[in-house]
Amino acid sequence: MNQMLRKARVLLVTYYAHMLEYRAELFFWTLSGSMSLIMMGIWMEAAGSGRFGLAPVDFVRYFIAVFTVRQLTIVWVIWEFEKQVVQGKLSPQLLQPIDPVWRHVAMHLSERVARSPFLLVVLGLFFALYPQWFWLPTLGNLLLFVLVIVLAFIVRFSIQYTAALLAFWTERASAIEQLWFLSYLFLSGYIAPLEVFPPVVREIALWTPFPYFLHFPAAILIGLPVNVPRGLMTMLGWGMIFYALNRWLWRRGLKHYSGMGA
């Protein structure tokens, strides 16, 4: 256990130092998620008609929560892994006594820590300009939010890392993520809260993993009513499915990779 903790510490510290070299880039990455703030303005205007069941303040807080959640759950492992396979950089990592996935996990966690000051600055600036929209979640909602955020990151990372393993057979595994992003865009609650969707569409979306990456944690943070047990069980179900698929593809992929002379 001590050896594992030492390895984890070394990886986290190393990748955190690496991320600090790109502070300006991290700032622009943070701003790249500002589409939710644009959608906030659009839905605030639409809420004036009163046909959506949510008040303007609900839309403001929802999209601020979505902006926060996306900063904490964003994943890019498919591009990193694809580059390592295509360029042969995966080969020396396979000789080391640690699964390469933990390097990607450490990279993502370190990036969250390095990104967090920029996130806090953006949120602080927003609430300084618009103090009437400020709110504080209850302690229960905040603790549940932290748990759901962790699960959301694990599930999203597992899904994208599973897709990344297709790089063993194709040089354009990242193209799968581009197709996946279209469904993510419309079904995750990124463009609109699921509360404004038609009931049939909302029910279909809730059986997919997408709402649990954004809408579910955002709704918990601001206090919108959600079915917490169903959400947690759905997240665990998708996580287990993709974990099993991931391990199967990893074993098959390594054989294929070695067969290519790696």
Protein backbone atom coordinates (compact mmCIF):
# COMPACT_ATOMS: atom_id res chain seq x y z
CA MET A 1 0.00 0.00 0.00
CA ASN A 2 2.81 2.43 0.86
CA GLN A 3 4.48 1.69 -2.46
CA MET A 4 1.24 2.37 -4.32
CA LEU A 5 0.77 5.67 -2.49
CA ARG A 6 4.33 6.72 -3.31
CA LYS A 7 3.77 5.97 -7.00
CA ALA A 8 0.50 7.90 -6.96
CA ARG A 9 2.19 10.87 -5.28
CA VAL A 10 5.04 10.91 -7.79
CA LEU A 11 2.65 10.76 -10.75
CA LEU A 12 0.40 13.49 -9.38
CA VAL A 13 3.24 15.84 -8.48
CA THR A 14 4.98 15.27 -11.82
CA TYR A 15 1.90 15.89 -13.94
CA TYR A 16 0.87 18.87 -11.81
CA ALA A 17 4.26 20.48 -12.48
CA HIS A 18 3.79 19.66 -16.15
CA MET A 19 0.37 21.32 -16.21
CA LEU A 20 1.70 24.46 -14.55
CA GLU A 21 3.93 24.97 -17.58
CA TYR A 22 0.80 25.62 -19.62
CA ARG A 23 -1.08 28.04 -17.37
CA ALA A 24 -2.13 30.33 -20.22
CA GLU A 25 -3.41 27.34 -22.16
CA LEU A 26 -5.35 26.17 -19.11
CA PHE A 27 -7.02 29.57 -18.94
CA PHE A 28 -8.21 29.28 -22.54
CA TRP A 29 -9.34 25.69 -21.92
CA THR A 30 -11.46 27.02 -19.05
CA LEU A 31 -13.00 29.68 -21.27
CA SER A 32 -13.66 27.12 -24.01
CA GLY A 33 -16.49 25.77 -21.86
CA SER A 34 -18.29 29.13 -21.86
CA MET A 35 -20.95 27.94 -24.30
CA SER A 36 -23.11 27.15 -21.28
CA LEU A 37 -22.93 30.82 -20.29
CA ILE A 38 -24.15 31.79 -23.77
CA MET A 39 -27.02 29.30 -23.51
CA MET A 40 -27.83 30.81 -20.12
CA GLY A 41 -28.60 34.17 -21.74
CA ILE A 42 -30.74 32.54 -24.42
CA TRP A 43 -32.81 30.53 -21.95
CA MET A 44 -33.21 33.50 -19.60
CA GLU A 45 -34.96 35.35 -22.41
CA ALA A 46 -37.03 32.29 -23.32
CA ALA A 47 -38.08 31.85 -19.68
CA GLY A 48 -39.96 35.14 -19.91
CA SER A 49 -42.76 33.34 -21.74
CA GLY A 50 -43.31 31.10 -18.71
CA ARG A 51 -43.82 27.98 -20.83
CA PHE A 52 -40.83 25.98 -19.60
CA GLY A 53 -41.64 25.50 -15.92
CA LEU A 54 -38.40 27.15 -14.80
CA ALA A 55 -37.85 30.73 -13.72
CA PRO A 56 -34.99 32.87 -15.12
CA VAL A 57 -33.08 32.40 -11.86
CA ASP A 58 -33.32 28.62 -12.29
CA PHE A 59 -31.77 28.84 -15.75
CA VAL A 60 -28.98 31.11 -14.51
CA ARG A 61 -28.04 28.81 -11.66
CA TYR A 62 -28.41 25.71 -13.82
CA PHE A 63 -26.01 26.88 -16.52
CA ILE A 64 -23.53 28.19 -13.96
CA ALA A 65 -23.63 24.72 -12.40
CA VAL A 66 -23.22 23.12 -15.85
CA PHE A 67 -20.18 25.32 -16.51
CA THR A 68 -18.68 24.19 -13.20
CA VAL A 69 -19.47 20.51 -13.74
CA ARG A 70 -17.99 20.47 -17.22
CA GLN A 71 -14.74 21.97 -15.95
CA LEU A 72 -14.51 19.16 -13.38
CA THR A 73 -15.44 16.23 -15.64
CA ILE A 74 -13.85 17.01 -19.00
CA VAL A 75 -11.82 14.14 -20.44
CA TRP A 76 -9.36 14.02 -23.35
CA VAL A 77 -7.67 10.65 -22.88
CA ILE A 78 -8.68 9.40 -26.35
CA TRP A 79 -6.40 11.92 -28.10
CA GLU A 80 -3.45 11.22 -25.79
CA PHE A 81 -3.74 7.44 -26.07
CA GLU A 82 -4.22 7.54 -29.84
CA LYS A 83 -1.03 9.60 -30.20
CA GLN A 84 0.92 7.19 -28.00
CA VAL A 85 -0.16 4.18 -30.03
CA VAL A 86 0.35 5.76 -33.44
CA GLN A 87 3.75 7.20 -32.52
CA GLY A 88 4.90 4.10 -30.64
CA LYS A 89 5.24 5.96 -27.32
CA LEU A 90 3.14 3.32 -25.59
CA SER A 91 5.86 0.67 -25.97
CA PRO A 92 8.26 1.91 -23.24
CA GLN A 93 5.32 2.41 -20.86
CA LEU A 94 4.36 -1.25 -21.23
CA LEU A 95 7.80 -2.20 -19.89
CA GLN A 96 7.17 -0.38 -16.62
CA PRO A 97 5.41 -2.02 -13.63
CA ILE A 98 2.35 0.23 -13.80
CA ASP A 99 -0.69 0.18 -16.04
CA PRO A 100 -0.48 3.14 -18.48
CA VAL A 101 -4.04 4.13 -17.58
CA TRP A 102 -2.85 5.48 -14.23
CA ARG A 103 -0.65 8.00 -16.01
CA HIS A 104 -3.72 9.34 -17.79
CA VAL A 105 -5.72 9.39 -14.56
CA ALA A 106 -2.94 11.30 -12.79
CA MET A 107 -2.72 13.71 -15.72
CA HIS A 108 -6.44 14.46 -15.56
CA LEU A 109 -6.52 14.86 -11.78
CA SER A 110 -3.48 17.14 -11.81
CA GLU A 111 -5.07 19.22 -14.54
CA ARG A 112 -8.20 19.64 -12.39
CA VAL A 113 -6.11 21.07 -9.58
CA ALA A 114 -4.20 23.39 -11.94
CA ARG A 115 -7.43 24.52 -13.63
CA SER A 116 -9.38 25.19 -10.43
CA PRO A 117 -7.96 28.72 -9.77
CA PHE A 118 -9.15 29.86 -13.22
CA LEU A 119 -12.57 28.33 -12.57
CA LEU A 120 -12.84 30.16 -9.26
CA VAL A 121 -11.81 33.44 -10.90
CA VAL A 122 -14.49 33.10 -13.60
CA LEU A 123 -17.19 32.22 -11.04
CA GLY A 124 -16.06 34.98 -8.69
CA LEU A 125 -16.14 37.55 -11.49
CA PHE A 126 -19.62 36.44 -12.57
CA PHE A 127 -21.11 36.68 -9.09
CA ALA A 128 -19.34 39.98 -8.45
CA LEU A 129 -21.06 41.41 -11.52
CA TYR A 130 -24.41 39.72 -10.82
CA PRO A 131 -24.67 39.22 -7.04
CA GLN A 132 -28.45 38.73 -7.27
CA TRP A 133 -27.86 35.29 -8.85
CA PHE A 134 -25.59 34.05 -6.08
CA TRP A 135 -26.68 31.03 -4.04
CA LEU A 136 -25.19 28.46 -1.70
CA PRO A 137 -26.14 24.76 -1.91
CA THR A 138 -27.18 22.94 1.22
CA LEU A 139 -24.55 20.80 2.91
CA GLY A 140 -26.39 17.61 1.92
CA ASN A 141 -26.59 18.66 -1.73
CA LEU A 142 -22.93 19.68 -1.72
CA LEU A 143 -21.75 16.33 -0.35
CA LEU A 144 -23.96 14.44 -2.80
CA PHE A 145 -22.66 16.68 -5.59
CA VAL A 146 -19.05 15.76 -4.77
CA LEU A 147 -19.91 12.05 -4.87
CA VAL A 148 -21.74 12.37 -8.18
CA ILE A 149 -18.93 14.43 -9.71
CA VAL A 150 -16.44 11.70 -8.85
CA LEU A 151 -18.71 9.04 -10.36
CA ALA A 152 -19.38 11.17 -13.44
CA PHE A 153 -15.66 11.59 -14.08
CA ILE A 154 -14.99 7.87 -13.58
CA VAL A 155 -17.79 6.84 -15.96
CA ARG A 156 -16.89 9.40 -18.61
CA PHE A 157 -13.21 8.52 -18.39
CA SER A 158 -14.02 4.79 -18.65
CA ILE A 159 -16.17 5.32 -21.73
CA GLN A 160 -13.65 7.50 -23.54
CA TYR A 161 -10.70 5.31 -22.57
CA THR A 162 -12.60 2.30 -23.90
CA ALA A 163 -13.10 4.09 -27.21
CA ALA A 164 -9.42 5.07 -27.15
CA LEU A 165 -8.40 1.40 -27.12
CA LEU A 166 -9.71 1.14 -30.68
CA ALA A 167 -6.50 2.97 -31.60
CA PHE A 168 -4.90 -0.49 -31.57
CA TRP A 169 -6.83 -1.19 -34.78
CA THR A 170 -7.36 2.25 -36.34
CA GLU A 171 -5.36 5.45 -36.53
CA ARG A 172 -8.49 7.62 -36.12
CA ALA A 173 -10.02 6.45 -32.87
CA SER A 174 -10.61 10.09 -31.96
CA ALA A 175 -13.20 10.30 -34.75
CA ILE A 176 -15.46 8.17 -32.53
CA GLU A 177 -15.32 10.86 -29.86
CA GLN A 178 -16.46 13.46 -32.39
CA LEU A 179 -19.56 11.39 -33.18
CA TRP A 180 -20.09 10.71 -29.46
CA PHE A 181 -19.91 14.45 -28.74
CA LEU A 182 -23.00 15.13 -30.85
CA SER A 183 -25.11 12.92 -28.59
CA TYR A 184 -23.38 14.37 -25.54
CA LEU A 185 -24.20 17.89 -26.72
CA PHE A 186 -27.95 17.32 -26.98
CA LEU A 187 -28.66 14.67 -24.32
CA SER A 188 -26.37 15.74 -21.47
CA GLY A 189 -28.21 18.95 -20.64
CA TYR A 190 -25.42 21.10 -22.05
CA ILE A 191 -27.71 23.03 -24.40
CA ALA A 192 -30.89 22.89 -22.32
CA PRO A 193 -32.04 21.40 -19.01
CA LEU A 194 -33.79 18.07 -19.39
CA GLU A 195 -36.83 19.64 -17.68
CA VAL A 196 -37.68 21.46 -20.95
CA PHE A 197 -37.47 18.29 -23.06
CA PRO A 198 -40.64 16.43 -24.10
CA PRO A 199 -41.35 13.66 -21.55
CA VAL A 200 -40.63 10.84 -24.02
CA VAL A 201 -37.28 12.33 -25.08
CA ARG A 202 -36.35 13.00 -21.45
CA GLU A 203 -37.12 9.42 -20.44
CA ILE A 204 -35.03 8.03 -23.30
CA ALA A 205 -32.15 10.35 -22.41
CA LEU A 206 -32.21 9.24 -18.77
CA TRP A 207 -31.39 5.67 -19.83
CA THR A 208 -28.23 6.85 -21.59
CA PRO A 209 -25.06 7.90 -19.74
CA PHE A 210 -25.11 11.46 -21.11
CA PRO A 211 -27.37 13.26 -18.58
CA TYR A 212 -25.23 11.98 -15.72
CA PHE A 213 -22.17 13.82 -17.02
CA LEU A 214 -23.78 17.29 -16.71
CA HIS A 215 -27.49 17.56 -15.95
CA PHE A 216 -27.62 15.18 -12.99
CA PRO A 217 -24.78 16.75 -10.93
CA ALA A 218 -25.83 20.28 -11.93
CA ALA A 219 -29.43 19.65 -10.84
CA ILE A 220 -28.21 18.30 -7.49
CA LEU A 221 -26.00 21.35 -6.94
CA ILE A 222 -28.83 23.85 -7.46
CA GLY A 223 -31.56 21.77 -5.85
CA LEU A 224 -33.68 20.74 -8.85
CA PRO A 225 -35.69 17.55 -8.18
CA VAL A 226 -33.98 14.43 -9.56
CA ASN A 227 -34.27 10.71 -8.89
CA VAL A 228 -30.99 10.22 -7.03
CA PRO A 229 -31.16 6.41 -6.53
CA ARG A 230 -31.97 5.85 -10.20
CA GLY A 231 -29.20 8.22 -11.26
CA LEU A 232 -26.57 6.54 -9.11
CA MET A 233 -27.61 3.06 -10.22
CA THR A 234 -27.57 4.08 -13.89
CA MET A 235 -24.09 5.56 -13.53
CA LEU A 236 -22.81 2.43 -11.81
CA GLY A 237 -24.41 0.24 -14.47
CA TRP A 238 -22.80 2.09 -17.37
CA GLY A 239 -19.50 2.18 -15.50
CA MET A 240 -19.45 -1.59 -15.02
CA ILE A 241 -20.42 -2.24 -18.65
CA PHE A 242 -17.60 -0.13 -20.01
CA TYR A 243 -15.10 -1.39 -17.45
CA ALA A 244 -15.71 -4.97 -18.61
CA LEU A 245 -15.52 -3.91 -22.27
CA ASN A 246 -12.37 -1.91 -21.55
CA ARG A 247 -10.50 -4.85 -20.02
CA TRP A 248 -11.53 -7.11 -22.90
CA LEU A 249 -10.37 -4.62 -25.53
CA TRP A 250 -7.14 -4.01 -23.59
CA ARG A 251 -6.18 -7.69 -23.67
CA ARG A 252 -7.09 -8.07 -27.34
CA GLY A 253 -5.44 -4.77 -28.23
CA LEU A 254 -2.13 -5.64 -26.60
CA LYS A 255 -1.93 -8.85 -28.63
CA HIS A 256 -2.61 -6.91 -31.82
CA TYR A 257 -0.13 -4.19 -30.84
CA SER A 258 2.61 -6.76 -30.13
CA GLY A 259 1.85 -8.49 -33.38
CA MET A 260 2.67 -5.27 -35.20
CA GLY A 261 6.22 -5.38 -33.79
CA ALA A 262 5.82 -3.06 -30.83
